[in-house]
Protein backbone atom coordinates (compact mmCIF):
# COMPACT_ATOMS: atom_id res chain seq x y z
CA MET A 1 12.48 -26.48 -23.10
CA THR A 2 10.89 -23.38 -24.30
CA THR A 3 8.11 -23.21 -21.43
CA ALA A 4 11.33 -23.50 -19.13
CA ALA A 5 13.16 -20.95 -20.97
CA ASP A 6 10.52 -18.14 -21.13
CA GLY A 7 10.09 -19.13 -17.19
CA ARG A 8 13.87 -17.96 -16.73
CA SER A 9 13.86 -15.28 -18.98
CA GLY A 10 10.31 -13.71 -17.28
CA LEU A 11 11.98 -14.28 -13.58
CA LEU A 12 15.40 -12.53 -15.01
CA ARG A 13 12.80 -9.42 -16.31
CA GLU A 14 11.13 -9.19 -13.39
CA ALA A 15 14.48 -9.29 -11.22
CA ALA A 16 15.97 -6.45 -13.49
CA ARG A 17 12.27 -4.50 -13.02
CA ARG A 18 13.25 -4.76 -9.46
CA GLY A 19 16.90 -3.76 -9.41
CA ARG A 20 16.11 -0.76 -11.52
CA ARG A 21 13.06 -0.01 -9.11
CA LEU A 22 15.91 -0.14 -6.26
CA LEU A 23 18.69 2.15 -8.06
CA GLY A 24 15.73 4.52 -8.49
CA HIS A 25 14.76 4.49 -4.98
CA ALA A 26 18.63 4.82 -3.67
CA ALA A 27 18.95 7.58 -6.12
CA VAL A 28 15.88 9.36 -4.70
CA VAL A 29 17.49 9.03 -0.99
CA ILE A 30 21.08 10.24 -2.23
CA ALA A 31 19.51 13.13 -4.03
CA VAL A 32 17.56 14.13 -1.03
CA LEU A 33 20.66 13.60 1.40
CA LEU A 34 22.77 16.29 -0.84
CA ALA A 35 20.08 18.49 -1.06
CA TRP A 36 19.26 18.30 2.60
CA GLN A 37 23.29 18.97 2.98
CA VAL A 38 23.69 21.62 0.96
CA LEU A 39 20.47 23.86 2.48
CA ALA A 40 21.85 22.72 5.82
CA VAL A 41 25.37 24.51 5.22
CA THR A 42 23.72 27.37 3.11
CA VAL A 43 20.13 28.71 3.55
CA PHE A 44 19.72 27.47 7.18
CA SER A 45 23.41 27.78 8.35
CA GLY A 46 23.65 29.33 11.80
CA ARG A 47 19.88 29.45 12.31
CA PHE A 48 19.96 26.22 14.14
CA VAL A 49 16.73 24.76 12.85
CA VAL A 50 17.90 22.44 9.92
CA PRO A 51 20.94 20.36 11.18
CA SER A 52 23.01 18.37 8.75
CA PRO A 53 22.38 14.94 8.07
CA THR A 54 26.12 13.83 9.10
CA SER A 55 25.42 15.31 12.59
CA VAL A 56 21.94 13.98 12.83
CA TRP A 57 23.26 10.37 12.10
CA SER A 58 25.87 10.75 14.90
CA THR A 59 23.49 11.80 17.11
CA ILE A 60 21.04 8.77 16.42
CA VAL A 61 24.55 6.28 16.90
CA ALA A 62 25.55 7.75 19.75
CA ASP A 63 22.17 7.78 21.58
CA GLY A 64 21.81 4.18 20.27
CA PHE A 65 19.02 4.48 17.68
CA TYR A 66 16.46 5.22 20.47
CA THR A 67 15.67 1.37 20.97
CA HIS A 68 14.19 1.56 24.46
CA ASP A 69 12.07 4.41 23.70
CA ALA A 70 11.20 2.89 20.36
CA ALA A 71 9.98 -0.22 21.95
CA SER A 72 7.85 1.47 24.66
CA THR A 73 5.76 3.56 22.02
CA LEU A 74 5.63 0.30 19.79
CA ALA A 75 4.17 -2.02 22.73
CA ILE A 76 1.37 0.54 23.08
CA SER A 77 0.97 1.48 19.65
CA TRP A 78 0.24 -2.11 18.59
CA LYS A 79 -2.77 -2.34 20.89
CA GLY A 80 -4.16 0.75 19.86
CA TRP A 81 -3.95 -0.12 16.42
CA LEU A 82 -5.84 -3.72 17.08
CA ILE A 83 -8.12 -1.96 19.26
CA GLY A 84 -9.12 0.84 16.82
CA ASN A 85 -8.87 -1.13 13.82
CA GLY A 86 -11.14 -4.06 15.44
CA ILE A 87 -14.00 -1.61 16.22
CA ALA A 88 -13.54 0.11 13.32
CA LEU A 89 -14.19 -3.34 11.28
CA ILE A 90 -16.92 -4.66 13.46
CA LEU A 91 -19.08 -1.12 12.77
CA ALA A 92 -18.64 -1.23 9.35
CA ALA A 93 -20.33 -4.46 8.97
CA VAL A 94 -22.81 -3.23 11.34
CA CYS A 95 -23.65 -0.19 8.99
CA LEU A 96 -24.10 -2.39 5.88
CA LEU A 97 -26.38 -5.27 8.15
CA VAL A 98 -28.34 -2.44 9.83
CA PRO A 99 -28.29 0.37 7.46
CA VAL A 100 -30.61 2.66 9.91
CA ALA A 101 -27.32 2.60 12.24
CA GLU A 102 -24.95 4.03 9.75
CA SER A 103 -25.66 7.54 10.38
CA GLY A 104 -25.31 7.51 14.08
CA LEU A 105 -21.95 5.19 13.80
CA MET A 106 -20.64 7.44 10.78
CA ALA A 107 -20.99 10.34 13.09
CA LEU A 108 -19.54 8.80 16.41
CA GLY A 109 -16.46 8.07 13.55
CA VAL A 110 -16.37 11.77 12.44
CA ALA A 111 -16.53 12.81 16.43
CA THR A 112 -13.59 10.86 17.13
CA TYR A 113 -11.54 12.15 14.49
CA CYS A 114 -12.24 15.71 14.58
CA VAL A 115 -11.70 16.55 18.33
CA PRO A 116 -8.16 17.52 18.79
CA THR A 117 -6.93 14.41 21.01
CA ILE A 118 -4.27 16.98 22.33
CA ALA A 119 -7.10 19.01 23.88
CA ILE A 120 -9.00 16.03 25.43
CA GLY A 121 -5.93 14.48 26.61
CA PRO A 122 -5.71 15.88 29.98
CA LEU A 123 -9.32 14.28 30.73
CA LEU A 124 -8.12 10.87 29.32
CA VAL A 125 -5.10 10.78 31.79
CA VAL A 126 -7.76 11.56 34.46
CA LEU A 127 -10.16 8.60 33.53
CA TYR A 128 -7.30 6.11 32.94
CA ASP A 129 -3.50 6.21 33.87
CA VAL A 130 -1.15 7.62 31.03
CA ALA A 131 -0.46 4.40 29.21
CA GLY A 132 -4.12 3.86 29.30
CA ALA A 133 -4.96 7.71 27.90
CA LYS A 134 -1.85 6.98 25.37
CA MET A 135 -3.59 3.61 24.03
CA VAL A 136 -6.77 5.62 23.45
CA MET A 137 -5.40 8.24 21.54
CA SER A 138 -4.04 5.55 19.60
CA ALA A 139 -6.92 3.65 18.91
CA LEU A 140 -8.60 7.03 18.14
CA SER A 141 -5.85 8.08 15.78
CA VAL A 142 -6.68 4.91 13.31
CA PHE A 143 -10.72 4.19 14.12
CA PHE A 144 -12.49 6.78 11.43
CA VAL A 145 -9.51 6.32 8.73
CA THR A 146 -10.62 2.47 8.82
CA LEU A 147 -14.20 3.07 9.35
CA THR A 148 -14.51 5.00 6.60
CA ALA A 149 -12.22 3.16 4.20
CA ALA A 150 -14.01 -0.06 4.83
CA VAL A 151 -17.60 1.12 4.86
CA SER A 152 -16.51 2.69 1.13
CA GLY A 153 -14.91 -0.58 0.25
CA LEU A 154 -17.85 -2.56 1.76
CA ARG A 155 -20.31 -0.59 -0.50
CA ALA A 156 -18.06 -1.04 -3.98
CA ALA A 157 -19.61 -4.42 -4.44
CA ALA A 158 -21.13 -5.10 -7.73
CA PRO A 159 -24.80 -5.24 -7.53
CA THR A 160 -25.53 -7.74 -10.08
CA THR A 161 -23.46 -9.93 -7.83
CA LEU A 162 -25.29 -8.99 -5.08
CA GLN A 163 -28.48 -9.58 -6.84
CA VAL A 164 -27.39 -13.35 -7.72
CA VAL A 165 -27.05 -14.05 -3.69
CA THR A 166 -30.10 -12.48 -3.27
CA ALA A 167 -31.73 -14.88 -6.04
CA PHE A 168 -30.37 -17.71 -4.21
CA GLY A 169 -31.86 -16.85 -1.02
CA GLY A 170 -29.18 -14.86 0.71
CA GLY A 171 -29.45 -12.07 3.29
CA ARG A 172 -27.36 -9.15 3.91
CA TRP A 173 -25.11 -11.25 6.15
CA ALA A 174 -24.48 -13.67 2.91
CA GLN A 175 -23.98 -10.72 0.96
CA LEU A 176 -21.40 -9.61 2.96
CA VAL A 177 -19.52 -12.67 3.82
CA LYS A 178 -19.43 -14.01 -0.01
CA VAL A 179 -19.23 -10.65 -1.96
CA ARG A 180 -18.79 -7.50 -0.24
CA LEU A 181 -15.78 -8.55 1.83
CA ARG A 182 -13.83 -9.54 -0.99
CA ALA A 183 -14.72 -5.80 -3.11
CA ALA A 184 -13.62 -3.68 0.10
CA VAL A 185 -10.35 -5.33 0.40
CA PRO A 186 -8.46 -2.96 -2.25
CA MET A 187 -10.03 0.44 -0.55
CA LEU A 188 -9.78 -1.32 3.24
CA ALA A 189 -6.12 -2.27 2.54
CA GLY A 190 -5.62 1.52 1.63
CA GLY A 191 -7.38 2.57 5.06
CA LEU A 192 -5.04 0.18 7.12
CA SER A 193 -1.97 1.32 5.69
CA VAL A 194 -2.45 4.72 6.53
CA SER A 195 -3.56 3.77 10.26
CA ALA A 196 -0.78 1.95 10.91
CA PRO A 197 1.60 5.07 11.06
CA ALA A 198 -1.09 6.78 12.59
CA ALA A 199 -1.26 4.62 15.51
CA ILE A 200 2.24 5.32 16.45
CA LEU A 201 1.89 8.94 15.96
CA GLY A 202 -1.14 8.79 18.68
CA THR A 203 0.96 7.36 21.04
CA MET A 204 3.79 9.75 20.84
CA ILE A 205 1.24 12.76 20.82
CA GLY A 206 -0.18 10.96 24.25
CA ASP A 207 3.83 10.69 25.18
CA TYR A 208 3.45 14.46 25.67
CA LEU A 209 0.92 14.00 28.22
CA GLY A 210 3.93 12.70 30.60
CA GLY A 211 5.35 9.46 31.25
CA GLN A 212 8.72 8.54 31.58
CA GLU A 213 9.62 6.69 28.27
CA GLY A 214 8.57 6.59 24.42
CA LEU A 215 9.57 8.43 21.40
CA GLY A 216 7.38 11.64 22.04
CA VAL A 217 8.59 11.71 25.52
CA ILE A 218 12.29 12.11 24.63
CA MET A 219 11.51 14.38 21.50
CA LEU A 220 10.04 16.77 24.04
CA GLN A 221 12.95 16.58 26.37
CA ALA A 222 14.86 17.62 23.35
CA GLN A 223 12.92 20.35 22.00
CA GLN A 224 12.94 21.75 25.74
CA GLN A 225 16.77 21.30 25.67
CA LEU A 226 16.99 22.74 22.30
CA ALA A 227 18.92 19.84 20.91
CA VAL A 228 18.39 20.42 17.38
CA GLU A 229 20.14 17.25 16.19
CA ARG A 230 18.49 15.06 18.97
CA THR A 231 15.06 16.57 17.58
CA TRP A 232 15.77 15.61 14.15
CA GLY A 233 17.58 11.83 15.23
CA ILE A 234 14.11 11.16 17.17
CA ALA A 235 11.92 12.26 14.10
CA ILE A 236 13.94 10.49 11.64
CA VAL A 237 14.03 7.41 14.12
CA SER A 238 10.24 7.74 14.32
CA THR A 239 9.56 8.17 10.70
CA ALA A 240 11.48 5.17 9.75
CA ILE A 241 9.32 2.89 12.12
CA CYS A 242 6.51 4.69 10.88
CA GLY A 243 7.20 3.87 7.02
CA ALA A 244 8.13 0.17 8.01
CA ALA A 245 4.61 -0.30 9.86
CA PHE A 246 2.83 1.46 6.32
CA ALA A 247 5.06 -0.88 4.25
CA ALA A 248 4.11 -4.10 6.32
CA THR A 249 0.57 -3.58 6.15
CA ALA A 250 0.80 -2.39 2.69
CA ILE A 251 2.84 -5.70 1.39
CA GLY A 252 0.02 -8.03 4.00
CA ALA A 253 -2.70 -6.23 1.99
CA ARG A 254 -1.11 -7.01 -1.33
CA LEU A 255 -0.60 -10.89 -0.41
CA VAL A 256 -4.44 -11.30 0.29
CA GLY A 257 -5.30 -9.49 -2.98
CA ALA A 258 -5.77 -5.77 -2.43
CA ASP A 259 -4.79 -5.47 -6.32
CA VAL A 260 -8.05 -7.18 -7.29
CA GLU A 261 -9.92 -5.24 -10.04
CA ALA A 262 -13.09 -3.63 -10.00
CA PRO A 263 -16.33 -5.39 -11.64
CA LEU A 264 -17.49 -3.57 -14.81
CA ASP A 265 -21.05 -2.33 -12.30
CA SER A 266 -19.05 -2.13 -9.21
CA GLY A 267 -20.32 0.94 -7.45
CA MET A 268 -23.50 1.84 -9.56
CA THR A 269 -26.89 1.80 -7.70
CA PRO A 270 -29.62 -0.72 -9.30
CA PRO A 271 -32.24 1.07 -11.33
CA GLN A 272 -35.31 0.38 -8.54
CA ALA A 273 -32.76 1.83 -5.56
CA ARG A 274 -32.11 4.92 -7.31
CA ARG A 275 -34.30 8.09 -5.95
CA SER A 276 -34.62 11.66 -6.87
CA ARG A 277 -32.45 14.47 -5.96
CA SER A 278 -35.06 15.93 -3.58
CA VAL A 279 -35.80 12.70 -1.66
CA THR A 280 -31.85 11.96 -1.40
CA THR A 281 -31.50 15.60 0.20
CA GLY A 282 -34.46 14.94 2.59
CA LEU A 283 -32.67 11.63 3.38
CA ALA A 284 -29.13 13.47 3.88
CA ALA A 285 -31.06 15.79 6.03
CA ALA A 286 -32.56 13.43 8.11
CA LYS A 287 -29.64 11.52 8.74
CA LEU A 288 -27.56 14.39 9.67
CA LEU A 289 -30.16 14.86 12.28
CA ALA A 290 -29.87 11.37 13.61
CA ALA A 291 -26.08 11.97 13.54
CA VAL A 292 -26.24 14.92 15.69
CA GLY A 293 -28.82 13.38 18.09
CA ALA A 294 -26.69 10.02 18.09
CA CYS A 295 -23.35 12.56 18.88
CA LEU A 296 -25.26 14.53 21.76
CA VAL A 297 -26.50 10.89 23.24
CA VAL A 298 -23.51 9.39 23.62
CA TRP A 299 -21.85 12.89 25.09
CA GLN A 300 -24.44 12.70 27.74
CA LEU A 301 -23.66 9.21 28.24
CA LEU A 302 -19.55 9.75 28.50
CA VAL A 303 -20.28 12.78 30.82
CA ALA A 304 -22.70 10.80 32.94
CA THR A 305 -20.29 7.87 33.48
CA SER A 306 -17.25 9.44 33.67
CA GLY A 307 -17.15 9.90 37.52
CA LEU A 308 -15.69 13.44 36.76
CA ASP A 309 -16.39 16.46 38.74
CA SER A 310 -18.80 19.20 36.60
CA TYR A 311 -16.16 21.48 36.74
CA PHE A 312 -13.96 19.58 34.30
CA VAL A 313 -16.77 18.07 31.81
CA LYS A 314 -19.76 19.80 30.44
CA THR A 315 -22.89 18.14 29.21
CA PRO A 316 -24.92 19.08 25.92
CA ARG A 317 -27.10 20.89 27.96
CA ASP A 318 -24.19 23.14 29.60
CA THR A 319 -22.77 24.26 26.47
CA TRP A 320 -26.21 25.12 25.00
CA ASN A 321 -26.66 27.22 28.05
CA TYR A 322 -23.04 28.79 27.76
CA LEU A 323 -23.66 29.56 23.87
CA LEU A 324 -27.23 30.64 24.17
CA VAL A 325 -28.70 31.40 27.67
CA ALA A 326 -26.11 32.82 29.66
CA PRO A 327 -26.36 36.18 30.00
CA ASP A 328 -22.64 36.39 28.30
CA SER A 329 -24.28 34.21 25.59
CA GLY A 330 -23.78 36.68 23.03
CA ARG A 331 -20.44 37.50 23.35
CA HIS A 332 -19.40 33.74 23.78
CA ARG A 333 -20.87 33.32 20.52
CA SER A 334 -19.19 36.27 18.53
CA LEU A 335 -16.01 34.92 19.80
CA LEU A 336 -16.30 31.44 18.68
CA LEU A 337 -17.70 32.43 15.43
CA SER A 338 -14.80 34.67 14.73
CA ASN A 339 -12.48 32.04 15.62
CA LEU A 340 -14.41 29.56 13.71
CA GLY A 341 -14.03 31.86 10.69
CA ARG A 342 -10.52 31.95 10.83
CA THR A 343 -9.94 28.05 11.12
CA LEU A 344 -12.33 27.57 8.31
CA THR A 345 -10.51 29.66 6.16
CA ASP A 346 -7.06 28.03 7.11
CA ALA A 347 -8.57 24.45 6.72
CA GLY A 348 -10.52 25.30 3.57
CA LEU A 349 -6.64 26.47 2.09
CA GLY A 350 -4.96 23.74 3.29
CA TRP A 351 -7.64 21.06 1.89
CA THR A 352 -7.52 22.63 -1.27
CA ALA A 353 -3.97 22.67 -1.64
CA GLY A 354 -2.97 19.29 -0.25
CA THR A 355 -6.48 17.90 -2.46
CA ALA A 356 -5.05 19.24 -5.78
CA LEU A 357 -1.80 17.86 -5.25
CA ALA A 358 -2.85 14.48 -3.94
CA VAL A 359 -4.94 14.36 -7.07
CA LEU A 360 -2.45 15.45 -9.65
CA ALA A 361 0.16 12.86 -7.81
CA ALA A 362 -2.23 9.88 -7.82
CA ILE A 363 -2.35 10.47 -11.76
CA SER A 364 1.19 10.65 -12.22
CA ILE A 365 1.55 7.73 -10.25
CA VAL A 366 -0.88 5.74 -12.36
CA LEU A 367 0.08 7.05 -15.71
CA ILE A 368 3.78 6.89 -15.18
CA PRO A 369 5.14 4.48 -12.74
CA PRO A 370 8.50 5.48 -12.24
CA VAL A 371 6.84 8.87 -10.64
CA GLY A 372 5.27 6.29 -7.90
CA ALA A 373 8.58 4.83 -7.38
CA ALA A 374 10.05 8.03 -6.48
CA VAL A 375 7.08 9.94 -4.82
CA MET A 376 5.73 7.04 -2.56
CA PRO A 377 8.84 7.13 -0.44
CA PHE A 378 8.07 10.66 0.51
CA VAL A 379 3.93 10.04 0.89
CA VAL A 380 5.17 7.60 3.53
CA VAL A 381 7.88 10.06 4.96
CA LEU A 382 4.91 12.83 5.29
CA ARG A 383 2.45 10.39 7.33
CA SER A 384 5.29 9.32 9.46
CA VAL A 385 6.65 12.55 10.75
CA PRO A 386 4.86 13.69 14.00
CA LEU A 387 3.65 16.84 13.25
CA ILE A 388 3.09 17.85 16.67
CA ALA A 389 6.50 17.87 17.22
CA MET A 390 7.65 19.12 13.53
CA CYS A 391 5.41 21.94 13.65
CA PRO A 392 7.49 24.57 15.35
CA LEU A 393 9.86 23.19 12.80
CA LEU A 394 7.64 23.85 10.02
CA GLY A 395 6.51 27.50 11.41
CA LEU A 396 10.37 28.60 11.54
CA VAL A 397 10.63 27.23 7.88
CA PHE A 398 7.24 28.47 6.02
CA GLY A 399 6.54 30.89 8.60
CA ARG A 400 4.02 31.34 11.52
CA GLY A 401 1.24 32.81 9.07
CA VAL A 402 -1.25 31.75 6.23
CA LEU A 403 1.88 29.32 4.39
CA GLY A 404 2.34 27.80 7.47
CA VAL A 405 -0.72 26.41 8.68
CA THR A 406 -1.81 25.47 4.77
CA VAL A 407 1.39 23.35 4.74
CA ILE A 408 0.59 21.77 7.71
CA ALA A 409 -3.30 21.43 6.75
CA GLY A 410 -2.23 20.12 3.46
CA ILE A 411 0.03 17.54 4.70
CA VAL A 412 -2.81 16.02 6.98
CA THR A 413 -5.01 16.09 3.78
CA PHE A 414 -2.23 15.01 1.30
CA VAL A 415 -1.46 11.57 2.22
CA PRO A 416 -4.67 9.85 3.02
CA SER A 417 -6.00 11.27 0.12
CA LEU A 418 -3.19 10.06 -2.03
CA VAL A 419 -3.34 6.97 -0.64
CA THR A 420 -6.92 6.36 -1.25
CA ILE A 421 -7.41 7.88 -4.88
CA VAL A 422 -4.17 6.12 -5.85
CA GLY A 423 -6.10 2.61 -4.81
CA GLY A 424 -9.29 3.45 -6.66
CA LEU A 425 -7.39 4.58 -9.94
CA ARG A 426 -5.46 1.14 -10.10
CA VAL A 427 -8.62 -1.26 -9.47
CA ALA A 428 -10.13 -0.15 -12.83
CA PRO A 429 -11.00 -3.52 -14.87
CA SER A 430 -8.77 -4.24 -17.45
CA ALA A 431 -11.55 -5.22 -19.72
CA ALA A 432 -12.63 -1.63 -19.74
CA MET A 433 -9.23 -0.04 -20.51
CA ASP A 434 -8.70 -3.01 -23.50
CA ILE A 435 -11.64 -1.65 -25.17
CA VAL A 436 -10.48 2.25 -25.01
CA HIS A 437 -7.11 1.09 -26.11
CA CYS A 438 -8.35 -1.21 -28.86
CA SER A 439 -10.56 1.90 -30.15
CA GLY A 440 -7.04 3.81 -30.19
CA GLY A 441 -7.24 5.46 -26.89
CA GLN A 442 -3.78 5.91 -25.07
CA ARG A 443 -3.16 6.41 -21.20
CA TRP A 444 -4.75 9.56 -20.89
CA SER A 445 -8.28 8.45 -22.59
CA THR A 446 -8.39 5.43 -20.03
CA LEU A 447 -7.73 7.71 -17.09
CA VAL A 448 -10.62 9.71 -18.26
CA LYS A 449 -12.86 7.49 -19.56
CA VAL A 450 -12.47 4.26 -17.03
CA ARG A 451 -10.02 4.78 -14.41
CA ILE A 452 -11.72 8.18 -12.70
CA PRO A 453 -15.45 6.98 -13.30
CA PHE A 454 -14.36 3.56 -11.54
CA ALA A 455 -12.26 5.61 -8.78
CA THR A 456 -15.60 7.71 -7.69
CA SER A 457 -16.09 5.75 -4.41
CA ALA A 458 -12.29 6.33 -3.59
CA LEU A 459 -12.49 10.19 -4.40
CA PHE A 460 -15.42 10.61 -2.14
CA ALA A 461 -14.04 8.29 0.68
CA ALA A 462 -10.79 10.56 0.43
CA ALA A 463 -12.97 13.56 1.10
CA LYS A 464 -14.78 12.24 3.67
CA ILE A 465 -11.14 11.74 5.40
CA SER A 466 -9.37 14.69 4.43
CA MET A 467 -11.73 17.19 5.43
CA PRO A 468 -12.17 16.50 9.02
CA GLY A 469 -8.60 16.01 8.83
CA ALA A 470 -7.83 19.39 7.54
CA ILE A 471 -9.60 21.09 10.02
CA LEU A 472 -7.54 19.44 12.72
CA GLY A 473 -4.43 20.17 11.33
CA ALA A 474 -5.28 23.50 10.94
CA VAL A 475 -6.49 23.96 15.00
CA LEU A 476 -2.96 21.70 15.75
CA ALA A 477 -1.15 24.52 13.44
CA GLU A 478 -3.42 27.49 15.30
CA TRP A 479 -2.63 25.51 18.49
CA LEU A 480 1.23 25.35 18.21
CA ILE A 481 2.57 28.10 15.94
CA THR A 482 0.16 30.85 14.87
CA ALA A 483 -1.56 31.67 17.97
CA ARG A 484 -5.02 32.32 16.14
CA GLY A 485 -8.28 30.89 15.79
CA LEU A 486 -10.08 27.90 17.56
CA GLY A 487 -6.27 26.36 18.15
CA LYS A 488 -5.27 29.47 20.00
CA ALA A 489 -8.54 29.53 21.86
CA MET A 490 -8.64 25.94 23.16
CA SER A 491 -5.18 26.10 24.03
CA TYR A 492 -5.80 29.17 26.12
CA ASP A 493 -8.85 27.44 27.56
CA ILE A 494 -6.86 24.58 28.90
CA ILE A 495 -4.50 26.88 30.46
CA SER A 496 -6.80 29.31 32.26
CA SER A 497 -9.51 26.10 32.71
CA ASP A 498 -12.01 27.45 31.11
CA PHE A 499 -13.77 24.00 30.11
CA ASN A 500 -17.03 25.64 28.99
CA ASP A 501 -15.38 27.49 26.32
CA LEU A 502 -13.36 24.49 25.74
CA PHE A 503 -16.24 22.02 25.29
CA ALA A 504 -18.20 24.85 22.90
CA SER A 505 -15.42 24.85 20.90
CA ILE A 506 -15.10 21.19 20.48
CA ALA A 507 -18.94 20.81 19.65
CA VAL A 508 -18.66 23.68 17.09
CA LEU A 509 -15.62 21.72 15.56
CA LEU A 510 -17.75 18.44 15.69
CA ALA A 511 -21.04 20.15 14.23
CA VAL A 512 -18.97 21.75 11.19
CA SER A 513 -17.48 18.29 10.64
CA LEU A 514 -20.63 16.25 10.49
CA GLY A 515 -21.83 19.00 8.41
CA LEU A 516 -19.19 18.55 5.96
CA TYR A 517 -19.09 14.58 5.75
CA ALA A 518 -22.85 15.25 5.27
CA LEU A 519 -22.37 16.97 2.31
CA VAL A 520 -19.76 14.79 0.82
CA ALA A 521 -22.02 11.81 1.15
CA THR A 522 -25.19 13.60 -0.26
CA LEU A 523 -23.08 14.46 -3.17
CA GLU A 524 -21.68 10.95 -3.84
CA THR A 525 -25.40 9.51 -3.34
CA VAL A 526 -26.43 11.79 -5.90
CA VAL A 527 -23.63 10.53 -8.37
CA ARG A 528 -24.24 6.95 -7.70
CA ASN A 529 -27.53 7.45 -8.44
CA SER A 530 -27.16 9.06 -11.65
CA GLY A 531 -25.33 6.04 -13.13
CA ARG A 532 -22.26 7.97 -13.20
CA GLY A 533 -20.61 6.40 -10.20
CA ASN A 534 -17.79 3.76 -10.22
C-alpha cells in the first residue's frame, strides 16, 4: 500500500510540475504577444515594419496557413536532412576509425558551412534542377553542425572504458560500436536538434533561386509586394514548423538516452597519449596544411567533373593567378583584404556578443531551471527564423550599421552555442557534484568545479561551429543590408558576372575559416593533454 501510495504521489507531483511548466510557457507567450502589440501601435506605428499580432493572425487564417507551400518545403527538407546527417555520421565514424583522414574531412565540413549557399546557389541550379539545388542546399545546411557534434561526442568517451575494450582484444571498430556511440549521444542530440530547423531554412534559401511553390517563394513574393502582414505570417508559420522539428528531434534524442551522465574520466587524454605543446602545435600545422590540400584537390575535382564552362567556374590555379600573378593582382589583393578586414570585424563583434550571451544563458538555464523554461522557446524561435528573409527587417529595426550586423552574426552564433553548451553542462556526473555538495558547496561551486570542466568538449565544439557561422552571418548581413565587406563584393560579383573575384572571395573565406577551426582544435588538444579537459 505504501509503495502504491508513494507511486501515486510521485505521479501527482510530476503532473503538477509539468502543469507549472506549461503555465510558465503560456505566461511567456502571452507577455510576448502583449509586448508585440504595444510596440506595433506605439514605437513602430505608421512605419509599416512591425504589424500587430492580430492583423498577422488574420492574414495567416485568410491565407489558409500556407499549408500547400509548407508541404512543398518539407518534402525537400526531410530528404536534405537525411542526406546531410547520414553523410555526416558516416564521416564522423571514419574520422575515429581512420584518424589520418580527419583533417581533410573536417576541412571539407568547414568548407560546406562557411561558403555562402546564396553565392553558389546559381551554380547549383545550373548543375541540377531547382528542386535538386534546394535539396543540396538543405543538406549543406546540416552537414557541418552534425559532423562537428558527432566527432566531439565520439571523442568524449571515457579512456578507461576504451582501454578495457582494447585489453579484451577489441580495436577501433569495437571501441566505436561498444563505447563511443553511446558516449556521443548527448552531444549528437544537440547537433541533430539544431540541424532539423537548419534543413528547412536551407530549403527556404533555395526557394530564393526560383520555383513555383515553397515557403521561401511566397515570402519573396510577399516582400516584393510590400505585404508586411503576409511576410510576418509566413515567417511565423515557418518558425512554428522549424520549432516543431527542433522539439521532435530533441524528444527523440531524450528517448534514446541523450540525458546520460558523463563518466568521471570522460574527455581525459591517457598519459601515454599526451604530447608536448610544441609537438601539438607542429601536428596542428601539418593538419592544417593537409586540410588545405584536401580542399584544393576536391575543388579541382568538382570543377573538372561539373561540365560547366570555365567562364562560370574557376580552378585553384585560376584563383592563384587572379590574386598573385595577373597584372592587376595587387589591386585585386588590396580590395579583397580591405573587404575581408571589414567582414572579420563584423563577424568578431557578432561572435563575441553571441558567445557571451550563450554562456550566460546556458549557466542560467542549468542553475535556475525555470529560466530554461522561459528562454528555450525563444531559442527555438531565433534558430527557426529565416534570416535571409528577415535581414531587411532586422536592418530596419537595428539599423544598417555595426549594430545590425552584430545582431545578425550574434544570432547565428548564439543558438548553436547555447544548445551545445547546455548539453555539455547537463551531463556532468552526479557523483562528482555530490562530493562538492557534501563538502558544503552550492550550485555555483558545482558549476565552477564540476560542470564547466566536464563541459570542455562542448565549449570547444560550440566554438568550432559558431566561428565559421559568425563569418557566414556577417557576410549575409553585408550582402542584404549594409552593402560593405565581402558580402557586398560577392553580391556585386554575381550581378556583374565577375566569377574570378567571386571565387577569390570564397577561397579567402574558406582559408580564414579553416585557420580559425584549426586554432580552436589546437587549443582543445592542449587543454585535453594538460589533464584539465572534461
